[in-house]
Amino acid sequence: MALRCAAPGRAFSVVSKLLSQRKLDLLEELVSAEVLQVLKEKISLLPDSHRDALAADIDAIMYTTEGDVRIYYDDDGRKFVSILMCFWYLNGANLPDEVPGEAKVFQIVFGDENTKEKKHLLTANYEFQREFTEGAKPDWTITRIEHPRLLE
């Protein structure tokens, strides 16, 4: 599975869920080898609550923006585009209330006052890169994954 025409939010949702489920072998064609190696080390050390908080359902993404867009050439003259995307998403993982770096904690009431569902508004930064040299595959690769305060 390659990231071809997938919208950034959809790609973020798929990759974040695979991270949460520790299915790192399925990320090999989506994430750069360097990033994947770092993720393998970090994911194994995460507590379950933090790992669960990595997952973002597509419908739980509240806001998305571009953080940085770069066009550059490597030493061989190949042309690349790199786009840093910032995502804000709601997640119901059982995180401690003192998780630093989260924007806000929401408590949503469904039904009666005794049934409360707590949601955390979390952020993530994913950098997507694609080569635009003539003849190159039209695949995007994720070259940076940051989930502040969760995946450090």
C-alpha atoms as a PDB file:
ATOM      1  CA  MET A   1       0.000   0.000   0.000  1.00  0.00           C
ATOM      2  CA  ALA A   2       1.533   3.296  -1.085  1.00  0.00           C
ATOM      3  CA  LEU A   3       0.464   6.836  -0.284  1.00  0.00           C
ATOM      4  CA  ARG A   4      -0.565   8.024  -3.723  1.00  0.00           C
ATOM      5  CA  CYS A   5      -3.637  10.225  -3.833  1.00  0.00           C
ATOM      6  CA  ALA A   6      -4.655   9.709  -0.222  1.00  0.00           C
ATOM      7  CA  ALA A   7      -5.562  12.937   1.506  1.00  0.00           C
ATOM      8  CA  PRO A   8      -3.167  13.752   4.352  1.00  0.00           C
ATOM      9  CA  GLY A   9      -5.877  13.235   6.996  1.00  0.00           C
ATOM     10  CA  ARG A  10      -6.677   9.768   5.705  1.00  0.00           C
ATOM     11  CA  ALA A  11      -2.988   8.834   5.596  1.00  0.00           C
ATOM     12  CA  PHE A  12      -2.503  10.190   9.127  1.00  0.00           C
ATOM     13  CA  SER A  13      -5.468   8.166  10.389  1.00  0.00           C
ATOM     14  CA  VAL A  14      -4.236   4.921   8.801  1.00  0.00           C
ATOM     15  CA  VAL A  15      -0.652   5.327  10.005  1.00  0.00           C
ATOM     16  CA  SER A  16      -1.596   6.456  13.528  1.00  0.00           C
ATOM     17  CA  LYS A  17      -3.878   3.425  13.951  1.00  0.00           C
ATOM     18  CA  LEU A  18      -1.134   1.060  12.751  1.00  0.00           C
ATOM     19  CA  LEU A  19       1.266   2.666  15.243  1.00  0.00           C
ATOM     20  CA  SER A  20      -1.265   2.260  18.025  1.00  0.00           C
ATOM     21  CA  GLN A  21      -1.764  -1.402  17.146  1.00  0.00           C
ATOM     22  CA  ARG A  22       2.028  -1.972  16.921  1.00  0.00           C
ATOM     23  CA  LYS A  23       1.672  -3.164  13.310  1.00  0.00           C
ATOM     24  CA  LEU A  24       4.954  -1.577  12.314  1.00  0.00           C
ATOM     25  CA  ASP A  25       5.656  -4.116   9.569  1.00  0.00           C
ATOM     26  CA  LEU A  26       2.694  -2.671   7.633  1.00  0.00           C
ATOM     27  CA  LEU A  27       4.343   0.760   7.667  1.00  0.00           C
ATOM     28  CA  GLU A  28       7.390  -0.251   5.621  1.00  0.00           C
ATOM     29  CA  GLU A  29       6.047   1.128   2.320  1.00  0.00           C
ATOM     30  CA  LEU A  30       4.540   4.234   3.931  1.00  0.00           C
ATOM     31  CA  VAL A  31       7.267   5.496   6.251  1.00  0.00           C
ATOM     32  CA  SER A  32      10.964   6.105   5.582  1.00  0.00           C
ATOM     33  CA  ALA A  33      13.360   3.449   6.885  1.00  0.00           C
ATOM     34  CA  GLU A  34      14.970   5.927   9.287  1.00  0.00           C
ATOM     35  CA  VAL A  35      11.651   6.939  10.837  1.00  0.00           C
ATOM     36  CA  LEU A  36      10.503   3.329  11.051  1.00  0.00           C
ATOM     37  CA  GLN A  37      13.627   2.338  13.003  1.00  0.00           C
ATOM     38  CA  VAL A  38      13.056   5.130  15.533  1.00  0.00           C
ATOM     39  CA  LEU A  39       9.373   4.201  15.840  1.00  0.00           C
ATOM     40  CA  LYS A  40      10.222   0.551  16.559  1.00  0.00           C
ATOM     41  CA  GLU A  41      12.368   1.643  19.492  1.00  0.00           C
ATOM     42  CA  LYS A  42       9.881   4.175  20.893  1.00  0.00           C
ATOM     43  CA  ILE A  43       6.672   2.136  20.491  1.00  0.00           C
ATOM     44  CA  SER A  44       8.083  -0.777  22.464  1.00  0.00           C
ATOM     45  CA  LEU A  45       8.625   1.521  25.469  1.00  0.00           C
ATOM     46  CA  LEU A  46       5.205   3.210  25.479  1.00  0.00           C
ATOM     47  CA  PRO A  47       2.608   2.477  28.142  1.00  0.00           C
ATOM     48  CA  ASP A  48      -0.669   1.150  26.702  1.00  0.00           C
ATOM     49  CA  SER A  49      -2.544   4.390  27.444  1.00  0.00           C
ATOM     50  CA  HIS A  50      -0.061   6.459  25.417  1.00  0.00           C
ATOM     51  CA  ARG A  51      -0.041   3.896  22.610  1.00  0.00           C
ATOM     52  CA  ASP A  52      -3.861   4.001  22.481  1.00  0.00           C
ATOM     53  CA  ALA A  53      -3.728   7.806  22.300  1.00  0.00           C
ATOM     54  CA  LEU A  54      -1.726   7.662  19.061  1.00  0.00           C
ATOM     55  CA  ALA A  55      -4.739   6.396  17.082  1.00  0.00           C
ATOM     56  CA  ALA A  56      -6.802   9.004  15.249  1.00  0.00           C
ATOM     57  CA  ASP A  57     -10.088   8.096  13.617  1.00  0.00           C
ATOM     58  CA  ILE A  58     -10.658  10.084  10.437  1.00  0.00           C
ATOM     59  CA  ASP A  59     -13.859  11.535  11.957  1.00  0.00           C
ATOM     60  CA  ALA A  60     -11.977  12.584  15.108  1.00  0.00           C
ATOM     61  CA  ILE A  61      -9.617  14.935  13.253  1.00  0.00           C
ATOM     62  CA  MET A  62     -10.767  18.399  14.286  1.00  0.00           C
ATOM     63  CA  TYR A  63      -8.305  20.590  12.402  1.00  0.00           C
ATOM     64  CA  THR A  64      -5.498  20.211   9.876  1.00  0.00           C
ATOM     65  CA  THR A  65      -3.011  22.751   8.579  1.00  0.00           C
ATOM     66  CA  GLU A  66       0.216  22.851   6.617  1.00  0.00           C
ATOM     67  CA  GLY A  67       3.177  23.717   8.796  1.00  0.00           C
ATOM     68  CA  ASP A  68       5.882  23.972   6.146  1.00  0.00           C
ATOM     69  CA  VAL A  69       6.160  23.334   2.401  1.00  0.00           C
ATOM     70  CA  ARG A  70       9.583  22.891   0.808  1.00  0.00           C
ATOM     71  CA  ILE A  71      10.774  22.203  -2.729  1.00  0.00           C
ATOM     72  CA  TYR A  72      14.384  21.125  -2.985  1.00  0.00           C
ATOM     73  CA  TYR A  73      16.918  19.243  -5.101  1.00  0.00           C
ATOM     74  CA  ASP A  74      19.380  16.630  -3.864  1.00  0.00           C
ATOM     75  CA  ASP A  75      23.031  16.361  -4.986  1.00  0.00           C
ATOM     76  CA  ASP A  76      21.983  14.219  -7.973  1.00  0.00           C
ATOM     77  CA  GLY A  77      19.520  16.845  -9.239  1.00  0.00           C
ATOM     78  CA  ARG A  78      16.385  14.970  -8.200  1.00  0.00           C
ATOM     79  CA  LYS A  79      13.445  17.237  -7.273  1.00  0.00           C
ATOM     80  CA  PHE A  80      11.497  16.696  -4.024  1.00  0.00           C
ATOM     81  CA  VAL A  81       8.510  18.274  -2.316  1.00  0.00           C
ATOM     82  CA  SER A  82       8.134  18.030   1.446  1.00  0.00           C
ATOM     83  CA  ILE A  83       4.959  19.068   3.305  1.00  0.00           C
ATOM     84  CA  LEU A  84       4.690  19.170   7.087  1.00  0.00           C
ATOM     85  CA  MET A  85       1.080  18.638   8.183  1.00  0.00           C
ATOM     86  CA  CYS A  86      -0.216  19.434  11.668  1.00  0.00           C
ATOM     87  CA  PHE A  87      -3.247  17.534  12.959  1.00  0.00           C
ATOM     88  CA  TRP A  88      -5.472  18.141  15.990  1.00  0.00           C
ATOM     89  CA  TYR A  89      -7.591  15.134  16.910  1.00  0.00           C
ATOM     90  CA  LEU A  90      -9.876  13.874  19.667  1.00  0.00           C
ATOM     91  CA  ASN A  91      -8.992  10.640  21.405  1.00  0.00           C
ATOM     92  CA  GLY A  92     -10.693   8.834  24.263  1.00  0.00           C
ATOM     93  CA  ALA A  93      -7.630   6.976  25.556  1.00  0.00           C
ATOM     94  CA  ASN A  94      -7.344   6.662  29.308  1.00  0.00           C
ATOM     95  CA  LEU A  95      -4.577   9.226  29.769  1.00  0.00           C
ATOM     96  CA  PRO A  96      -3.708  10.748  33.115  1.00  0.00           C
ATOM     97  CA  ASP A  97      -5.159  14.228  33.562  1.00  0.00           C
ATOM     98  CA  GLU A  98      -1.689  15.716  33.866  1.00  0.00           C
ATOM     99  CA  VAL A  99      -0.512  14.742  30.365  1.00  0.00           C
ATOM    100  CA  PRO A 100       1.543  17.807  29.428  1.00  0.00           C
ATOM    101  CA  GLY A 101       1.245  19.335  26.001  1.00  0.00           C
ATOM    102  CA  GLU A 102      -2.375  18.564  25.254  1.00  0.00           C
ATOM    103  CA  ALA A 103      -4.506  21.501  24.257  1.00  0.00           C
ATOM    104  CA  LYS A 104      -7.701  20.797  26.192  1.00  0.00           C
ATOM    105  CA  VAL A 105      -9.639  18.026  27.908  1.00  0.00           C
ATOM    106  CA  PHE A 106     -13.293  17.771  26.943  1.00  0.00           C
ATOM    107  CA  GLN A 107     -15.968  15.991  28.908  1.00  0.00           C
ATOM    108  CA  ILE A 108     -18.921  15.143  26.734  1.00  0.00           C
ATOM    109  CA  VAL A 109     -22.174  14.054  28.347  1.00  0.00           C
ATOM    110  CA  PHE A 110     -24.220  11.394  26.573  1.00  0.00           C
ATOM    111  CA  GLY A 111     -27.575  10.434  28.071  1.00  0.00           C
ATOM    112  CA  ASP A 112     -27.672  11.186  31.778  1.00  0.00           C
ATOM    113  CA  GLU A 113     -25.195  12.994  34.017  1.00  0.00           C
ATOM    114  CA  ASN A 114     -23.681   9.695  35.231  1.00  0.00           C
ATOM    115  CA  THR A 115     -22.390   8.786  31.766  1.00  0.00           C
ATOM    116  CA  LYS A 116     -19.487  11.016  30.810  1.00  0.00           C
ATOM    117  CA  GLU A 117     -16.997  10.380  28.081  1.00  0.00           C
ATOM    118  CA  LYS A 118     -13.692  12.192  28.414  1.00  0.00           C
ATOM    119  CA  LYS A 119     -11.864  13.177  25.241  1.00  0.00           C
ATOM    120  CA  HIS A 120      -8.363  14.592  24.861  1.00  0.00           C
ATOM    121  CA  LEU A 121      -7.546  17.060  22.087  1.00  0.00           C
ATOM    122  CA  LEU A 122      -4.084  15.958  20.962  1.00  0.00           C
ATOM    123  CA  THR A 123      -1.683  17.113  18.272  1.00  0.00           C
ATOM    124  CA  ALA A 124       0.511  15.300  15.778  1.00  0.00           C
ATOM    125  CA  ASN A 125       2.924  16.421  13.061  1.00  0.00           C
ATOM    126  CA  TYR A 126       3.562  14.265  10.002  1.00  0.00           C
ATOM    127  CA  GLU A 127       5.915  15.226   7.181  1.00  0.00           C
ATOM    128  CA  PHE A 128       5.120  13.864   3.720  1.00  0.00           C
ATOM    129  CA  GLN A 129       7.763  13.753   0.986  1.00  0.00           C
ATOM    130  CA  ARG A 130       7.514  12.926  -2.697  1.00  0.00           C
ATOM    131  CA  GLU A 131      10.022  12.887  -5.507  1.00  0.00           C
ATOM    132  CA  PHE A 132       8.907  14.863  -8.563  1.00  0.00           C
ATOM    133  CA  THR A 133      11.790  13.967 -10.863  1.00  0.00           C
ATOM    134  CA  GLU A 134      10.555  12.753 -14.250  1.00  0.00           C
ATOM    135  CA  GLY A 135      10.004   8.980 -14.129  1.00  0.00           C
ATOM    136  CA  ALA A 136       9.829   8.763 -10.322  1.00  0.00           C
ATOM    137  CA  LYS A 137       6.981   6.841  -8.667  1.00  0.00           C
ATOM    138  CA  PRO A 138       4.070   9.082  -7.616  1.00  0.00           C
ATOM    139  CA  ASP A 139       4.252   7.846  -4.000  1.00  0.00           C
ATOM    140  CA  TRP A 140       4.399   9.990  -0.882  1.00  0.00           C
ATOM    141  CA  THR A 141       6.560   8.811   2.017  1.00  0.00           C
ATOM    142  CA  ILE A 142       6.230   9.942   5.617  1.00  0.00           C
ATOM    143  CA  THR A 143       9.628  11.248   6.724  1.00  0.00           C
ATOM    144  CA  ARG A 144       8.708  12.574  10.180  1.00  0.00           C
ATOM    145  CA  ILE A 145       6.170  11.500  12.796  1.00  0.00           C
ATOM    146  CA  GLU A 146       5.705  13.493  15.996  1.00  0.00           C
ATOM    147  CA  HIS A 147       3.086  12.984  18.657  1.00  0.00           C
ATOM    148  CA  PRO A 148       4.220  15.524  21.271  1.00  0.00           C
ATOM    149  CA  ARG A 149       4.289  14.229  24.855  1.00  0.00           C
ATOM    150  CA  LEU A 150       3.168  10.787  23.714  1.00  0.00           C
ATOM    151  CA  LEU A 151       5.883   9.568  21.377  1.00  0.00           C
ATOM    152  CA  GLU A 152       9.121  11.152  22.543  1.00  0.00           C
END
